[in-house]
Amino acid sequence: MGQIEYEVPVKNVAMAAGKIILTLGQEFSGIGMFPHDATIEITKTEFDTLNKPSVGDKIKIKLEK
C-alpha cells in the first residue's frame, strides 16, 4: 500500500447542520504541494482535536491506498 502526506492551508471554515466544513487548497502548485482544492466535513470533536483550525492555518492530510 502506498501513501502520500500533505500539509495544506485552510482556505475557509464554515458550519452547516452541526458539522464543520473545511475548504483546503493552495493558491499555487508545486512539487510536494497538494495539487487540488478539497472540502472536508468534520465533527466538532475532530475540529477541537485539530485545535480549531482557522483560515491560513495548515493541516496535514494523508492519502492511502
PDB file of N, CA and C in Angstrom:
ATOM      1  N   MET A   1       0.834  -1.185   0.000  1.00  0.00           N
ATOM      2  CA  MET A   1       0.000   0.000   0.000  1.00  0.00           C
ATOM      3  C   MET A   1       0.877   1.245   0.000  1.00  0.00           C
ATOM      4  N   GLY A   2       0.421   2.251  -0.708  1.00  0.00           N
ATOM      5  CA  GLY A   2       1.153   3.495  -0.748  1.00  0.00           C
ATOM      6  C   GLY A   2       0.421   4.586   0.002  1.00  0.00           C
ATOM      7  N   GLN A   3       1.173   5.621   0.338  1.00  0.00           N
ATOM      8  CA  GLN A   3       0.555   6.766   0.992  1.00  0.00           C
ATOM      9  C   GLN A   3       1.288   8.045   0.628  1.00  0.00           C
ATOM     10  N   ILE A   4       0.547   9.137   0.652  1.00  0.00           N
ATOM     11  CA  ILE A   4       1.097  10.466   0.407  1.00  0.00           C
ATOM     12  C   ILE A   4       0.569  11.363   1.515  1.00  0.00           C
ATOM     13  N   GLU A   5       1.440  12.191   2.083  1.00  0.00           N
ATOM     14  CA  GLU A   5       1.017  13.116   3.131  1.00  0.00           C
ATOM     15  C   GLU A   5       1.314  14.543   2.689  1.00  0.00           C
ATOM     16  N   TYR A   6       0.339  15.425   2.884  1.00  0.00           N
ATOM     17  CA  TYR A   6       0.480  16.831   2.515  1.00  0.00           C
ATOM     18  C   TYR A   6       0.182  17.718   3.714  1.00  0.00           C
ATOM     19  N   GLU A   7       0.794  18.888   3.745  1.00  0.00           N
ATOM     20  CA  GLU A   7       0.432  19.942   4.680  1.00  0.00           C
ATOM     21  C   GLU A   7      -0.284  20.999   3.849  1.00  0.00           C
ATOM     22  N   VAL A   8      -1.574  21.197   4.114  1.00  0.00           N
ATOM     23  CA  VAL A   8      -2.424  22.010   3.251  1.00  0.00           C
ATOM     24  C   VAL A   8      -3.023  23.173   4.029  1.00  0.00           C
ATOM     25  N   PRO A   9      -3.004  24.396   3.458  1.00  0.00           N
ATOM     26  CA  PRO A   9      -3.619  25.530   4.140  1.00  0.00           C
ATOM     27  C   PRO A   9      -5.151  25.473   4.113  1.00  0.00           C
ATOM     28  N   VAL A  10      -5.748  25.963   5.186  1.00  0.00           N
ATOM     29  CA  VAL A  10      -7.196  26.092   5.278  1.00  0.00           C
ATOM     30  C   VAL A  10      -7.594  27.379   4.557  1.00  0.00           C
ATOM     31  N   LYS A  11      -8.522  27.261   3.590  1.00  0.00           N
ATOM     32  CA  LYS A  11      -8.994  28.428   2.838  1.00  0.00           C
ATOM     33  C   LYS A  11     -10.288  28.998   3.413  1.00  0.00           C
ATOM     34  N   ASN A  12     -11.099  28.136   4.040  1.00  0.00           N
ATOM     35  CA  ASN A  12     -12.369  28.598   4.600  1.00  0.00           C
ATOM     36  C   ASN A  12     -12.843  27.614   5.662  1.00  0.00           C
ATOM     37  N   VAL A  13     -13.531  28.143   6.672  1.00  0.00           N
ATOM     38  CA  VAL A  13     -14.144  27.321   7.711  1.00  0.00           C
ATOM     39  C   VAL A  13     -15.612  27.733   7.788  1.00  0.00           C
ATOM     40  N   ALA A  14     -16.517  26.769   7.678  1.00  0.00           N
ATOM     41  CA  ALA A  14     -17.953  27.059   7.740  1.00  0.00           C
ATOM     42  C   ALA A  14     -18.642  25.990   8.579  1.00  0.00           C
ATOM     43  N   MET A  15     -19.833  26.316   9.059  1.00  0.00           N
ATOM     44  CA  MET A  15     -20.610  25.365   9.833  1.00  0.00           C
ATOM     45  C   MET A  15     -21.952  25.147   9.147  1.00  0.00           C
ATOM     46  N   ALA A  16     -22.361  23.886   9.040  1.00  0.00           N
ATOM     47  CA  ALA A  16     -23.650  23.560   8.422  1.00  0.00           C
ATOM     48  C   ALA A  16     -24.187  22.274   9.037  1.00  0.00           C
ATOM     49  N   ALA A  17     -25.414  22.312   9.485  1.00  0.00           N
ATOM     50  CA  ALA A  17     -26.093  21.129  10.034  1.00  0.00           C
ATOM     51  C   ALA A  17     -25.277  20.438  11.127  1.00  0.00           C
ATOM     52  N   GLY A  18     -24.651  21.224  11.990  1.00  0.00           N
ATOM     53  CA  GLY A  18     -23.890  20.661  13.096  1.00  0.00           C
ATOM     54  C   GLY A  18     -22.531  20.107  12.733  1.00  0.00           C
ATOM     55  N   LYS A  19     -22.145  20.213  11.488  1.00  0.00           N
ATOM     56  CA  LYS A  19     -20.820  19.757  11.036  1.00  0.00           C
ATOM     57  C   LYS A  19     -19.978  20.976  10.684  1.00  0.00           C
ATOM     58  N   ILE A  20     -18.674  20.806  10.719  1.00  0.00           N
ATOM     59  CA  ILE A  20     -17.755  21.868  10.324  1.00  0.00           C
ATOM     60  C   ILE A  20     -17.187  21.502   8.967  1.00  0.00           C
ATOM     61  N   ILE A  21     -17.212  22.452   8.059  1.00  0.00           N
ATOM     62  CA  ILE A  21     -16.737  22.228   6.694  1.00  0.00           C
ATOM     63  C   ILE A  21     -15.461  23.034   6.495  1.00  0.00           C
ATOM     64  N   LEU A  22     -14.379  22.326   6.196  1.00  0.00           N
ATOM     65  CA  LEU A  22     -13.093  22.964   5.918  1.00  0.00           C
ATOM     66  C   LEU A  22     -12.840  22.917   4.418  1.00  0.00           C
ATOM     67  N   THR A  23     -12.530  24.058   3.837  1.00  0.00           N
ATOM     68  CA  THR A  23     -12.098  24.109   2.444  1.00  0.00           C
ATOM     69  C   THR A  23     -10.585  24.253   2.476  1.00  0.00           C
ATOM     70  N   LEU A  24      -9.901  23.355   1.783  1.00  0.00           N
ATOM     71  CA  LEU A  24      -8.440  23.301   1.792  1.00  0.00           C
ATOM     72  C   LEU A  24      -7.908  23.546   0.392  1.00  0.00           C
ATOM     73  N   GLY A  25      -6.699  24.076   0.296  1.00  0.00           N
ATOM     74  CA  GLY A  25      -6.078  24.226  -1.014  1.00  0.00           C
ATOM     75  C   GLY A  25      -4.960  25.236  -1.013  1.00  0.00           C
ATOM     76  N   GLN A  26      -4.174  25.191  -2.063  1.00  0.00           N
ATOM     77  CA  GLN A  26      -3.034  26.078  -2.268  1.00  0.00           C
ATOM     78  C   GLN A  26      -3.422  27.186  -3.233  1.00  0.00           C
ATOM     79  N   GLU A  27      -2.811  28.329  -3.095  1.00  0.00           N
ATOM     80  CA  GLU A  27      -3.005  29.412  -4.062  1.00  0.00           C
ATOM     81  C   GLU A  27      -2.169  29.166  -5.317  1.00  0.00           C
ATOM     82  N   PHE A  28      -1.150  28.326  -5.186  1.00  0.00           N
ATOM     83  CA  PHE A  28      -0.284  27.972  -6.313  1.00  0.00           C
ATOM     84  C   PHE A  28       0.108  26.518  -6.126  1.00  0.00           C
ATOM     85  N   SER A  29       0.665  25.897  -7.149  1.00  0.00           N
ATOM     86  CA  SER A  29       1.052  24.493  -7.022  1.00  0.00           C
ATOM     87  C   SER A  29       2.540  24.332  -7.276  1.00  0.00           C
ATOM     88  N   GLY A  30       3.072  23.244  -6.789  1.00  0.00           N
ATOM     89  CA  GLY A  30       4.480  22.941  -6.968  1.00  0.00           C
ATOM     90  C   GLY A  30       4.756  21.532  -6.481  1.00  0.00           C
ATOM     91  N   ILE A  31       5.968  21.095  -6.614  1.00  0.00           N
ATOM     92  CA  ILE A  31       6.355  19.751  -6.199  1.00  0.00           C
ATOM     93  C   ILE A  31       6.134  19.601  -4.694  1.00  0.00           C
ATOM     94  N   GLY A  32       5.475  18.525  -4.313  1.00  0.00           N
ATOM     95  CA  GLY A  32       5.231  18.244  -2.904  1.00  0.00           C
ATOM     96  C   GLY A  32       4.054  18.988  -2.308  1.00  0.00           C
ATOM     97  N   MET A  33       3.336  19.769  -3.117  1.00  0.00           N
ATOM     98  CA  MET A  33       2.180  20.509  -2.623  1.00  0.00           C
ATOM     99  C   MET A  33       0.902  19.798  -3.037  1.00  0.00           C
ATOM    100  N   PHE A  34      -0.124  19.903  -2.207  1.00  0.00           N
ATOM    101  CA  PHE A  34      -1.418  19.308  -2.525  1.00  0.00           C
ATOM    102  C   PHE A  34      -1.955  20.000  -3.768  1.00  0.00           C
ATOM    103  N   PRO A  35      -2.160  19.267  -4.861  1.00  0.00           N
ATOM    104  CA  PRO A  35      -2.436  19.894  -6.155  1.00  0.00           C
ATOM    105  C   PRO A  35      -3.902  20.239  -6.425  1.00  0.00           C
ATOM    106  N   HIS A  36      -4.762  20.151  -5.415  1.00  0.00           N
ATOM    107  CA  HIS A  36      -6.195  20.363  -5.649  1.00  0.00           C
ATOM    108  C   HIS A  36      -6.804  21.194  -4.532  1.00  0.00           C
ATOM    109  N   ASP A  37      -8.003  21.706  -4.769  1.00  0.00           N
ATOM    110  CA  ASP A  37      -8.829  22.229  -3.690  1.00  0.00           C
ATOM    111  C   ASP A  37      -9.669  21.062  -3.192  1.00  0.00           C
ATOM    112  N   ALA A  38      -9.970  21.054  -1.908  1.00  0.00           N
ATOM    113  CA  ALA A  38     -10.784  19.983  -1.342  1.00  0.00           C
ATOM    114  C   ALA A  38     -11.659  20.552  -0.239  1.00  0.00           C
ATOM    115  N   THR A  39     -12.810  19.958  -0.070  1.00  0.00           N
ATOM    116  CA  THR A  39     -13.703  20.315   1.024  1.00  0.00           C
ATOM    117  C   THR A  39     -13.942  19.058   1.841  1.00  0.00           C
ATOM    118  N   ILE A  40     -13.728  19.173   3.155  1.00  0.00           N
ATOM    119  CA  ILE A  40     -13.976  18.032   4.028  1.00  0.00           C
ATOM    120  C   ILE A  40     -14.940  18.448   5.131  1.00  0.00           C
ATOM    121  N   GLU A  41     -15.721  17.497   5.573  1.00  0.00           N
ATOM    122  CA  GLU A  41     -16.702  17.718   6.628  1.00  0.00           C
ATOM    123  C   GLU A  41     -16.226  16.958   7.856  1.00  0.00           C
ATOM    124  N   ILE A  42     -16.099  17.650   8.988  1.00  0.00           N
ATOM    125  CA  ILE A  42     -15.634  17.018  10.220  1.00  0.00           C
ATOM    126  C   ILE A  42     -16.594  17.345  11.362  1.00  0.00           C
ATOM    127  N   THR A  43     -16.496  16.580  12.435  1.00  0.00           N
ATOM    128  CA  THR A  43     -17.332  16.819  13.609  1.00  0.00           C
ATOM    129  C   THR A  43     -16.699  17.895  14.486  1.00  0.00           C
ATOM    130  N   LYS A  44     -17.462  18.391  15.437  1.00  0.00           N
ATOM    131  CA  LYS A  44     -16.936  19.383  16.383  1.00  0.00           C
ATOM    132  C   LYS A  44     -15.780  18.788  17.179  1.00  0.00           C
ATOM    133  N   THR A  45     -15.887  17.521  17.553  1.00  0.00           N
ATOM    134  CA  THR A  45     -14.810  16.855  18.293  1.00  0.00           C
ATOM    135  C   THR A  45     -13.526  16.818  17.469  1.00  0.00           C
ATOM    136  N   GLU A  46     -13.641  16.476  16.186  1.00  0.00           N
ATOM    137  CA  GLU A  46     -12.463  16.458  15.310  1.00  0.00           C
ATOM    138  C   GLU A  46     -11.891  17.865  15.152  1.00  0.00           C
ATOM    139  N   PHE A  47     -12.770  18.851  15.029  1.00  0.00           N
ATOM    140  CA  PHE A  47     -12.352  20.252  14.913  1.00  0.00           C
ATOM    141  C   PHE A  47     -11.570  20.672  16.157  1.00  0.00           C
ATOM    142  N   ASP A  48     -12.080  20.317  17.338  1.00  0.00           N
ATOM    143  CA  ASP A  48     -11.393  20.641  18.590  1.00  0.00           C
ATOM    144  C   ASP A  48     -10.055  19.912  18.689  1.00  0.00           C
ATOM    145  N   THR A  49     -10.007  18.649  18.252  1.00  0.00           N
ATOM    146  CA  THR A  49      -8.771  17.866  18.280  1.00  0.00           C
ATOM    147  C   THR A  49      -7.691  18.510  17.411  1.00  0.00           C
ATOM    148  N   LEU A  50      -8.112  19.143  16.309  1.00  0.00           N
ATOM    149  CA  LEU A  50      -7.171  19.836  15.415  1.00  0.00           C
ATOM    150  C   LEU A  50      -6.834  21.247  15.917  1.00  0.00           C
ATOM    151  N   ASN A  51      -7.252  21.565  17.148  1.00  0.00           N
ATOM    152  CA  ASN A  51      -7.025  22.889  17.749  1.00  0.00           C
ATOM    153  C   ASN A  51      -7.715  24.001  16.970  1.00  0.00           C
ATOM    154  N   LYS A  52      -8.931  23.732  16.507  1.00  0.00           N
ATOM    155  CA  LYS A  52      -9.801  24.711  15.848  1.00  0.00           C
ATOM    156  C   LYS A  52      -9.091  25.486  14.743  1.00  0.00           C
ATOM    157  N   PRO A  53      -8.722  24.808  13.666  1.00  0.00           N
ATOM    158  CA  PRO A  53      -8.006  25.500  12.584  1.00  0.00           C
ATOM    159  C   PRO A  53      -8.831  26.643  11.995  1.00  0.00           C
ATOM    160  N   SER A  54      -8.135  27.713  11.632  1.00  0.00           N
ATOM    161  CA  SER A  54      -8.788  28.856  11.000  1.00  0.00           C
ATOM    162  C   SER A  54      -8.115  29.130   9.662  1.00  0.00           C
ATOM    163  N   VAL A  55      -8.668  30.073   8.923  1.00  0.00           N
ATOM    164  CA  VAL A  55      -8.142  30.408   7.598  1.00  0.00           C
ATOM    165  C   VAL A  55      -6.655  30.745   7.709  1.00  0.00           C
ATOM    166  N   GLY A  56      -5.855  30.127   6.846  1.00  0.00           N
ATOM    167  CA  GLY A  56      -4.416  30.350   6.829  1.00  0.00           C
ATOM    168  C   GLY A  56      -3.627  29.298   7.590  1.00  0.00           C
ATOM    169  N   ASP A  57      -4.267  28.625   8.551  1.00  0.00           N
ATOM    170  CA  ASP A  57      -3.590  27.541   9.262  1.00  0.00           C
ATOM    171  C   ASP A  57      -3.354  26.386   8.299  1.00  0.00           C
ATOM    172  N   LYS A  58      -2.362  25.569   8.601  1.00  0.00           N
ATOM    173  CA  LYS A  58      -2.093  24.389   7.779  1.00  0.00           C
ATOM    174  C   LYS A  58      -2.441  23.143   8.576  1.00  0.00           C
ATOM    175  N   ILE A  59      -3.050  22.182   7.883  1.00  0.00           N
ATOM    176  CA  ILE A  59      -3.322  20.887   8.492  1.00  0.00           C
ATOM    177  C   ILE A  59      -2.720  19.809   7.602  1.00  0.00           C
ATOM    178  N   LYS A  60      -2.405  18.674   8.199  1.00  0.00           N
ATOM    179  CA  LYS A  60      -1.856  17.558   7.428  1.00  0.00           C
ATOM    180  C   LYS A  60      -2.991  16.641   7.010  1.00  0.00           C
ATOM    181  N   ILE A  61      -2.919  16.202   5.759  1.00  0.00           N
ATOM    182  CA  ILE A  61      -3.848  15.187   5.278  1.00  0.00           C
ATOM    183  C   ILE A  61      -3.023  14.047   4.694  1.00  0.00           C
ATOM    184  N   LYS A  62      -3.546  12.849   4.836  1.00  0.00           N
ATOM    185  CA  LYS A  62      -2.843  11.673   4.339  1.00  0.00           C
ATOM    186  C   LYS A  62      -3.776  10.917   3.402  1.00  0.00           C
ATOM    187  N   LEU A  63      -3.261  10.575   2.238  1.00  0.00           N
ATOM    188  CA  LEU A  63      -3.988   9.760   1.276  1.00  0.00           C
ATOM    189  C   LEU A  63      -3.342   8.383   1.271  1.00  0.00           C
ATOM    190  N   GLU A  64      -4.150   7.349   1.463  1.00  0.00           N
ATOM    191  CA  GLU A  64      -3.630   5.986   1.494  1.00  0.00           C
ATOM    192  C   GLU A  64      -4.428   5.093   0.563  1.00  0.00           C
ATOM    193  N   LYS A  65      -3.736   4.121   0.064  1.00  0.00           N
ATOM    194  CA  LYS A  65      -4.424   3.097  -0.722  1.00  0.00           C
ATOM    195  C   LYS A  65      -4.216   1.781  -0.031  1.00  0.00           C
TER     196      LYS A  65
END
